[in-house]
Amino acid sequence: MNKRNKLKQLNRTSEHRNAMINNMVTSLFKHERIESTIAKIKVVRSHAEIIISRAKLYVALDLQNKDDKAKALHNKRLVMKRIHDQDVLQKLFDDIAPRFKEVNGGYTRIFKLVNRASDNSEVGILELVTKKSKEELKEEKRMAREAQETKLKERKAQLKANRVKAKEKKK
């Protein structure tokens, strides 16, 4: 019997359930919306809102004060337990958390869609309340790609210059 247990098991082992939740939360922050079954979305929503609250605390704390610095580091590490993608972490702390600075809870919303044809399960969309448009997201990706390409070109030029110096030293 499953008395007094508020944990939604989703017919998975604890390791599989935790990995699935972490991956879905990461995808939510990366794409700012995900589509899945309503049962999974309701579980992921609670985890995502807690993570956003932790990220807000990290952004809001003064890093010059020693006590605040310890609290901020603690909050960042708790978020890093759930999200392992560095790009998504950076987006969460630099973009998503400041967007919700004035909002106290209710960072996500659920839209119910038509039941899936194959198994008639309830399907829905989980998205951030204040999300960016597709054009803005594409522009961010393009800018990140260009920055990465320029870094790569600079690194190649630096390696080439080092090889030329090494050849000159041999002569």
C-alpha atoms as a PDB file:
ATOM      1  CA  MET A   1       0.000   0.000   0.000  1.00  0.00           C
ATOM      2  CA  ASN A   2       1.087   3.494  -0.775  1.00  0.00           C
ATOM      3  CA  LYS A   3      -0.366   5.324   2.226  1.00  0.00           C
ATOM      4  CA  ARG A   4       0.742   8.831   3.119  1.00  0.00           C
ATOM      5  CA  ASN A   5       3.225   8.915   0.266  1.00  0.00           C
ATOM      6  CA  LYS A   6       2.930  12.079  -1.791  1.00  0.00           C
ATOM      7  CA  LEU A   7       5.607  11.080  -4.297  1.00  0.00           C
ATOM      8  CA  LYS A   8       4.307  10.400  -7.798  1.00  0.00           C
ATOM      9  CA  GLN A   9       6.088   7.238  -8.887  1.00  0.00           C
ATOM     10  CA  LEU A  10       5.153   7.406 -12.591  1.00  0.00           C
ATOM     11  CA  ASN A  11       5.704   3.603 -12.824  1.00  0.00           C
ATOM     12  CA  ARG A  12       9.484   4.020 -12.744  1.00  0.00           C
ATOM     13  CA  THR A  13      12.331   3.212 -10.405  1.00  0.00           C
ATOM     14  CA  SER A  14      13.673   6.097  -8.365  1.00  0.00           C
ATOM     15  CA  GLU A  15      16.861   6.403 -10.456  1.00  0.00           C
ATOM     16  CA  HIS A  16      14.931   6.414 -13.721  1.00  0.00           C
ATOM     17  CA  ARG A  17      12.346   8.857 -12.350  1.00  0.00           C
ATOM     18  CA  ASN A  18      15.006  11.287 -11.084  1.00  0.00           C
ATOM     19  CA  ALA A  19      16.942  11.120 -14.354  1.00  0.00           C
ATOM     20  CA  MET A  20      13.756  11.705 -16.355  1.00  0.00           C
ATOM     21  CA  ILE A  21      12.750  14.675 -14.198  1.00  0.00           C
ATOM     22  CA  ASN A  22      16.237  16.211 -14.445  1.00  0.00           C
ATOM     23  CA  ASN A  23      16.241  15.801 -18.237  1.00  0.00           C
ATOM     24  CA  MET A  24      12.761  17.253 -18.606  1.00  0.00           C
ATOM     25  CA  VAL A  25      13.607  20.260 -16.402  1.00  0.00           C
ATOM     26  CA  THR A  26      16.791  20.832 -18.418  1.00  0.00           C
ATOM     27  CA  SER A  27      14.795  20.689 -21.662  1.00  0.00           C
ATOM     28  CA  LEU A  28      12.220  23.090 -20.224  1.00  0.00           C
ATOM     29  CA  PHE A  29      14.870  25.689 -19.437  1.00  0.00           C
ATOM     30  CA  LYS A  30      16.668  25.118 -22.740  1.00  0.00           C
ATOM     31  CA  HIS A  31      13.615  25.382 -25.033  1.00  0.00           C
ATOM     32  CA  GLU A  32      11.314  27.217 -22.585  1.00  0.00           C
ATOM     33  CA  ARG A  33       8.507  24.727 -23.315  1.00  0.00           C
ATOM     34  CA  ILE A  34       8.097  20.957 -23.397  1.00  0.00           C
ATOM     35  CA  GLU A  35       5.336  18.581 -24.434  1.00  0.00           C
ATOM     36  CA  SER A  36       4.583  15.408 -22.493  1.00  0.00           C
ATOM     37  CA  THR A  37       1.860  13.620 -20.571  1.00  0.00           C
ATOM     38  CA  ILE A  38      -0.025  15.597 -17.932  1.00  0.00           C
ATOM     39  CA  ALA A  39       1.153  13.325 -15.085  1.00  0.00           C
ATOM     40  CA  LYS A  40       4.826  13.898 -15.937  1.00  0.00           C
ATOM     41  CA  ILE A  41       4.302  17.607 -16.511  1.00  0.00           C
ATOM     42  CA  LYS A  42       2.710  18.102 -13.089  1.00  0.00           C
ATOM     43  CA  VAL A  43       5.707  16.479 -11.402  1.00  0.00           C
ATOM     44  CA  VAL A  44       8.231  18.405 -13.499  1.00  0.00           C
ATOM     45  CA  ARG A  45       6.442  21.705 -12.840  1.00  0.00           C
ATOM     46  CA  SER A  46       7.027  21.482  -9.085  1.00  0.00           C
ATOM     47  CA  HIS A  47      10.715  20.717  -9.565  1.00  0.00           C
ATOM     48  CA  ALA A  48      11.139  23.501 -12.138  1.00  0.00           C
ATOM     49  CA  GLU A  49       9.524  26.096  -9.889  1.00  0.00           C
ATOM     50  CA  ILE A  50      11.777  25.142  -6.981  1.00  0.00           C
ATOM     51  CA  ILE A  51      14.837  25.411  -9.223  1.00  0.00           C
ATOM     52  CA  ILE A  52      13.787  28.839 -10.497  1.00  0.00           C
ATOM     53  CA  SER A  53      13.270  30.014  -6.903  1.00  0.00           C
ATOM     54  CA  ARG A  54      16.771  28.799  -5.985  1.00  0.00           C
ATOM     55  CA  ALA A  55      18.235  30.549  -9.020  1.00  0.00           C
ATOM     56  CA  LYS A  56      16.438  33.758  -8.043  1.00  0.00           C
ATOM     57  CA  LEU A  57      17.958  33.554  -4.554  1.00  0.00           C
ATOM     58  CA  TYR A  58      21.404  33.104  -6.092  1.00  0.00           C
ATOM     59  CA  VAL A  59      20.958  36.141  -8.334  1.00  0.00           C
ATOM     60  CA  ALA A  60      19.467  38.323  -5.583  1.00  0.00           C
ATOM     61  CA  LEU A  61      22.102  37.729  -2.891  1.00  0.00           C
ATOM     62  CA  ASP A  62      25.012  40.117  -2.449  1.00  0.00           C
ATOM     63  CA  LEU A  63      28.221  38.226  -3.224  1.00  0.00           C
ATOM     64  CA  GLN A  64      30.394  40.705  -1.278  1.00  0.00           C
ATOM     65  CA  ASN A  65      28.922  39.690   2.078  1.00  0.00           C
ATOM     66  CA  LYS A  66      30.479  36.468   3.432  1.00  0.00           C
ATOM     67  CA  ASP A  67      27.202  35.001   4.750  1.00  0.00           C
ATOM     68  CA  ASP A  68      25.331  35.858   1.548  1.00  0.00           C
ATOM     69  CA  LYS A  69      28.143  34.374  -0.511  1.00  0.00           C
ATOM     70  CA  ALA A  70      27.786  31.053   1.334  1.00  0.00           C
ATOM     71  CA  LYS A  71      24.004  31.074   0.847  1.00  0.00           C
ATOM     72  CA  ALA A  72      24.383  31.908  -2.843  1.00  0.00           C
ATOM     73  CA  LEU A  73      26.890  29.108  -3.341  1.00  0.00           C
ATOM     74  CA  HIS A  74      24.568  26.687  -1.558  1.00  0.00           C
ATOM     75  CA  ASN A  75      21.652  27.662  -3.820  1.00  0.00           C
ATOM     76  CA  LYS A  76      23.794  27.353  -6.935  1.00  0.00           C
ATOM     77  CA  ARG A  77      24.989  23.894  -5.922  1.00  0.00           C
ATOM     78  CA  LEU A  78      21.420  22.740  -5.274  1.00  0.00           C
ATOM     79  CA  VAL A  79      20.470  23.858  -8.780  1.00  0.00           C
ATOM     80  CA  MET A  80      23.550  22.169 -10.221  1.00  0.00           C
ATOM     81  CA  LYS A  81      22.427  18.867  -8.663  1.00  0.00           C
ATOM     82  CA  ARG A  82      19.459  18.843 -11.012  1.00  0.00           C
ATOM     83  CA  ILE A  83      20.841  20.526 -14.144  1.00  0.00           C
ATOM     84  CA  HIS A  84      24.093  19.209 -15.579  1.00  0.00           C
ATOM     85  CA  ASP A  85      24.243  21.194 -18.844  1.00  0.00           C
ATOM     86  CA  GLN A  86      26.496  24.241 -18.389  1.00  0.00           C
ATOM     87  CA  ASP A  87      24.809  26.251 -21.152  1.00  0.00           C
ATOM     88  CA  VAL A  88      21.396  25.748 -19.569  1.00  0.00           C
ATOM     89  CA  LEU A  89      22.792  26.699 -16.149  1.00  0.00           C
ATOM     90  CA  GLN A  90      24.193  29.904 -17.562  1.00  0.00           C
ATOM     91  CA  LYS A  91      20.872  30.668 -19.271  1.00  0.00           C
ATOM     92  CA  LEU A  92      19.005  29.971 -16.027  1.00  0.00           C
ATOM     93  CA  PHE A  93      21.148  32.285 -13.899  1.00  0.00           C
ATOM     94  CA  ASP A  94      21.681  35.038 -16.500  1.00  0.00           C
ATOM     95  CA  ASP A  95      18.339  35.113 -18.298  1.00  0.00           C
ATOM     96  CA  ILE A  96      15.487  33.156 -16.699  1.00  0.00           C
ATOM     97  CA  ALA A  97      15.981  34.010 -13.012  1.00  0.00           C
ATOM     98  CA  PRO A  98      16.223  37.801 -13.605  1.00  0.00           C
ATOM     99  CA  ARG A  99      13.050  37.614 -15.729  1.00  0.00           C
ATOM    100  CA  PHE A 100      11.126  36.333 -12.708  1.00  0.00           C
ATOM    101  CA  LYS A 101      12.746  38.679 -10.172  1.00  0.00           C
ATOM    102  CA  GLU A 102       9.467  40.430  -9.322  1.00  0.00           C
ATOM    103  CA  VAL A 103       7.262  37.298  -9.483  1.00  0.00           C
ATOM    104  CA  ASN A 104       6.648  35.128  -6.407  1.00  0.00           C
ATOM    105  CA  GLY A 105       5.827  31.669  -7.744  1.00  0.00           C
ATOM    106  CA  GLY A 106       3.748  30.639 -10.728  1.00  0.00           C
ATOM    107  CA  TYR A 107       6.662  30.609 -13.161  1.00  0.00           C
ATOM    108  CA  THR A 108       5.169  27.930 -15.423  1.00  0.00           C
ATOM    109  CA  ARG A 109       1.795  27.117 -16.948  1.00  0.00           C
ATOM    110  CA  ILE A 110       0.228  23.967 -18.356  1.00  0.00           C
ATOM    111  CA  PHE A 111      -1.875  23.772 -21.514  1.00  0.00           C
ATOM    112  CA  LYS A 112      -3.886  20.608 -22.043  1.00  0.00           C
ATOM    113  CA  LEU A 113      -3.906  19.205 -25.557  1.00  0.00           C
ATOM    114  CA  VAL A 114      -6.003  16.550 -27.257  1.00  0.00           C
ATOM    115  CA  ASN A 115      -5.434  13.013 -25.980  1.00  0.00           C
ATOM    116  CA  ARG A 116      -2.768  11.031 -27.812  1.00  0.00           C
ATOM    117  CA  ALA A 117      -4.259   8.784 -30.509  1.00  0.00           C
ATOM    118  CA  SER A 118      -2.098   5.722 -29.842  1.00  0.00           C
ATOM    119  CA  ASP A 119      -2.807   5.200 -26.136  1.00  0.00           C
ATOM    120  CA  ASN A 120      -5.385   7.906 -25.338  1.00  0.00           C
ATOM    121  CA  SER A 121      -3.153   9.444 -22.645  1.00  0.00           C
ATOM    122  CA  GLU A 122      -3.612  13.067 -21.662  1.00  0.00           C
ATOM    123  CA  VAL A 123      -0.955  15.248 -23.285  1.00  0.00           C
ATOM    124  CA  GLY A 124      -0.059  18.818 -22.467  1.00  0.00           C
ATOM    125  CA  ILE A 125       2.493  21.584 -22.855  1.00  0.00           C
ATOM    126  CA  LEU A 126       4.511  22.973 -19.959  1.00  0.00           C
ATOM    127  CA  GLU A 127       6.024  26.378 -20.646  1.00  0.00           C
ATOM    128  CA  LEU A 128       7.499  29.316 -18.815  1.00  0.00           C
ATOM    129  CA  VAL A 129       5.023  32.147 -18.266  1.00  0.00           C
ATOM    130  CA  THR A 130       7.321  34.815 -19.699  1.00  0.00           C
ATOM    131  CA  LYS A 131       9.035  33.085 -22.562  1.00  0.00           C
ATOM    132  CA  LYS A 132      10.949  34.426 -25.480  1.00  0.00           C
ATOM    133  CA  SER A 133       9.670  34.218 -29.021  1.00  0.00           C
ATOM    134  CA  LYS A 134      11.099  31.763 -31.524  1.00  0.00           C
ATOM    135  CA  GLU A 135      12.911  34.571 -33.324  1.00  0.00           C
ATOM    136  CA  GLU A 136      14.651  35.673 -30.127  1.00  0.00           C
ATOM    137  CA  LEU A 137      15.681  32.102 -29.308  1.00  0.00           C
ATOM    138  CA  LYS A 138      17.047  31.598 -32.840  1.00  0.00           C
ATOM    139  CA  GLU A 139      18.946  34.877 -32.585  1.00  0.00           C
ATOM    140  CA  GLU A 140      20.483  33.776 -29.270  1.00  0.00           C
ATOM    141  CA  LYS A 141      21.564  30.469 -30.788  1.00  0.00           C
ATOM    142  CA  ARG A 142      23.064  32.256 -33.797  1.00  0.00           C
ATOM    143  CA  MET A 143      24.967  34.703 -31.580  1.00  0.00           C
ATOM    144  CA  ALA A 144      26.282  31.853 -29.404  1.00  0.00           C
ATOM    145  CA  ARG A 145      27.373  29.916 -32.486  1.00  0.00           C
ATOM    146  CA  GLU A 146      29.167  32.962 -33.905  1.00  0.00           C
ATOM    147  CA  ALA A 147      30.925  33.590 -30.593  1.00  0.00           C
ATOM    148  CA  GLN A 148      32.038  29.975 -30.486  1.00  0.00           C
ATOM    149  CA  GLU A 149      33.311  30.158 -34.065  1.00  0.00           C
ATOM    150  CA  THR A 150      35.320  33.322 -33.347  1.00  0.00           C
ATOM    151  CA  LYS A 151      36.836  31.683 -30.264  1.00  0.00           C
ATOM    152  CA  LEU A 152      37.791  28.678 -32.357  1.00  0.00           C
ATOM    153  CA  LYS A 153      39.376  30.888 -35.046  1.00  0.00           C
ATOM    154  CA  GLU A 154      41.353  32.818 -32.419  1.00  0.00           C
ATOM    155  CA  ARG A 155      42.535  29.577 -30.851  1.00  0.00           C
ATOM    156  CA  LYS A 156      43.639  28.215 -34.247  1.00  0.00           C
ATOM    157  CA  ALA A 157      45.498  31.440 -35.010  1.00  0.00           C
ATOM    158  CA  GLN A 158      47.215  31.282 -31.621  1.00  0.00           C
ATOM    159  CA  LEU A 159      48.265  27.663 -32.169  1.00  0.00           C
ATOM    160  CA  LYS A 160      49.563  28.519 -35.626  1.00  0.00           C
ATOM    161  CA  ALA A 161      51.597  31.415 -34.211  1.00  0.00           C
ATOM    162  CA  ASN A 162      53.027  29.120 -31.543  1.00  0.00           C
ATOM    163  CA  ARG A 163      54.064  26.581 -34.197  1.00  0.00           C
ATOM    164  CA  VAL A 164      55.796  29.304 -36.214  1.00  0.00           C
ATOM    165  CA  LYS A 165      57.694  30.454 -33.105  1.00  0.00           C
ATOM    166  CA  ALA A 166      58.721  26.892 -32.332  1.00  0.00           C
ATOM    167  CA  LYS A 167      60.048  26.409 -35.875  1.00  0.00           C
ATOM    168  CA  GLU A 168      62.016  29.676 -35.659  1.00  0.00           C
ATOM    169  CA  LYS A 169      63.607  28.584 -32.379  1.00  0.00           C
ATOM    170  CA  LYS A 170      64.777  25.331 -33.974  1.00  0.00           C
ATOM    171  CA  LYS A 171      66.545  27.212 -36.760  1.00  0.00           C
END
